[in-house]
Every structure is written in structure tokens, then in C-alpha cells.
């Protein structure tokens, strides 16, 4: 048979070779989170080997149909908070934006989201309530205390945690890449002419991300020996007097921080920002307005957490995972007004 007589490969051809259904192949080629990453890669490889090319007219028609078709409801997800007060978690704009991004993505995939506060009921009662309400997946909001136990019944649920504060059991998690974030901030400071880049934060802030802030800071200093190596301020007693003493000793021309009061303390003690010293917030959100900083994209982190949770639910995986995975998202630079160019 000549090449011109060969029948072009179809979804069914790929499905037979992969030993899966045409639906699975179709979803995999659309990079659907309902299909595992390994199967998506397998289908893509077989499609390439067979020389499969989608019909552009059919693809356009199906895209149009899918965009107008109402998403079928799958199940509910639980967004679990554990702060001392029921709405205490909302005081951190990033945590609130996790839920915004997660809700948008869940709605698009056919999931509902309910917020549950662990201090309202006993762990057993809360687990039972969520199970009865059809919740099959849990999104664990960051905890107020690193390593704080929740003691929920994990077996009925697929679970994804935000960040690194939850350590009770091995779980899948989605987080910002703190190492990349601080490297991005320091690159931007160097680009603008800063030569004395200082880092200041409470020790617990660095500890709850397993010292990734400090690791990124020290690594960046190591590969830029031409710049001053300032001693970072990571202390348990993080207060106005401690910060002021550190600034007088290290004399930074830019301060990197993600702890709210520090900018107020700097200005209160006669440092003009940005005239005397620049300031970069390592977790900038629109609520922080004028500040220069790194945008950790919390809405995208929320969406990625739902994608990871949906993958577990679609594969009928519950309880403690044998091979937990961590997805990290990189930050974007936000220009702001507090880190201008220096001569």
C-alpha cells in the first residue's frame, strides 16, 4: 500500500495502541487534569509516533460546543481553615486569593467548594459532616502554626495542602517557589543599581517554608561575590528595636521583607522610602498598592491546587498518597514605587 493509500490515524487508532478509550485519548490530547500526567504523556507520544494531526474544522466545532455546554457537576470540595477565629485566615490577602482562584477553577471543572473551620467541630464530627455532604477532596489552607495537627479522617478524601505548614501526614501540595521568588527580587534590585541587599523577617516565617527564603538569599549572595554580603535578620524577637539596630549595623540600600509592620518601623525611624532606602515586599498583592515586590500569583496557586485535587479524584485516589508530589509556581515582578533605580 502506498503512503497516499494509508488511512490517517484517528483517536480510535491511538486508543487501541494505548489500550484506553477514545474519551481518554480525547481528554489527554486536550491536556485535561481528569487524566493523569503519565497517561497524557503516553497519549502524546503515541500520537506523535503515528503522525496524528487533528482536523482543524472538527477541533473548532468541538471547542465551540464545549464552551456552550453546561459543565456537569462532579462533587464538592472542602476548603479547610484552622485559624483561632473562623475568618482569621482572610487577614492574609494571599490566603483569600487562594480561595478565589480555587473557586474559579473548580467551577470550570464542575466542582463546588465549601469552606469548613476545623475549630467548629471535633475532627471526627467534621470528617463525618464533610463525607455526608458529598465532599471528596480537601484543600488545606495554610495553618496558623507550623506542623499543627488537624486529626481529620484522611481515608475518605483526596487531599492537597497549600504551602508547607501542614506536616501531620504526607500530602500533595501546591506552593510558591520561595527560592525563585527571592532570587527574582534580588535580580531586580541588582538591575536597579542596589549593592547592599538586606533580608529581614521573623524566624518562624522562614522556618515554615523549610528555610527556603534563607537558602535562596545565601545562594544568590554566593554567586554574586561582587556585591556586599549583608547578614540577614532572621530572629525570634522580631520587633521595631531589633529591625532598627540591624539597619544601623548592616546599612542596606534595599530591604526585602514579607512582614507587614517593618515598612512602618523603617519610615517611623527617619528612613525615607525610597529616597534613603528601597523596599521590596516578597508577597505583593494588589492590597499592598504602592509597594514594589514579587507577585506570588496566589490565584494561580489556588487553581493549580484544584487541578491536582481533581486528578486524584478522577483516578479514585483517596487517603495518604504513596508518592506525594509538590507543585511550585514562580513569581512575577511588580514594579511599584519603592524600589527605583540607583546611581
Foldseek 3Di string as FASTA:
>chain_A
DDPVPDDQDDLVNLCVVVVHDSVLLVCLCVVALLADPVVSVSSVVSCVVSVHDDDPVVVVVVVVVLVPDQAAADFEAEEEAEDPDLCPQVVPVLLVLLVVLQQVLQNSNRYHYDYDYLVVDPQAVVLVVCVVRGHAEYEYGAYPAAQDDSPHDFFRHQYEYEAQRHDPAFHAYEYAQLLQLLLVVVVVLVVLPWQQEEEEDEQRVCVSNVNSNVVSLVVSCVVCVVGDDQDYHYYNPDDLVSLVVSCVVSVGQEYEYADPCPVVSCVVVPQDFNVRHFYEHSDDDCVVPQHWYWHSPSSVSSSVRNSNRSSCVSVVHTGHDPDHYYHHDYIDTDGGDRRHHDD
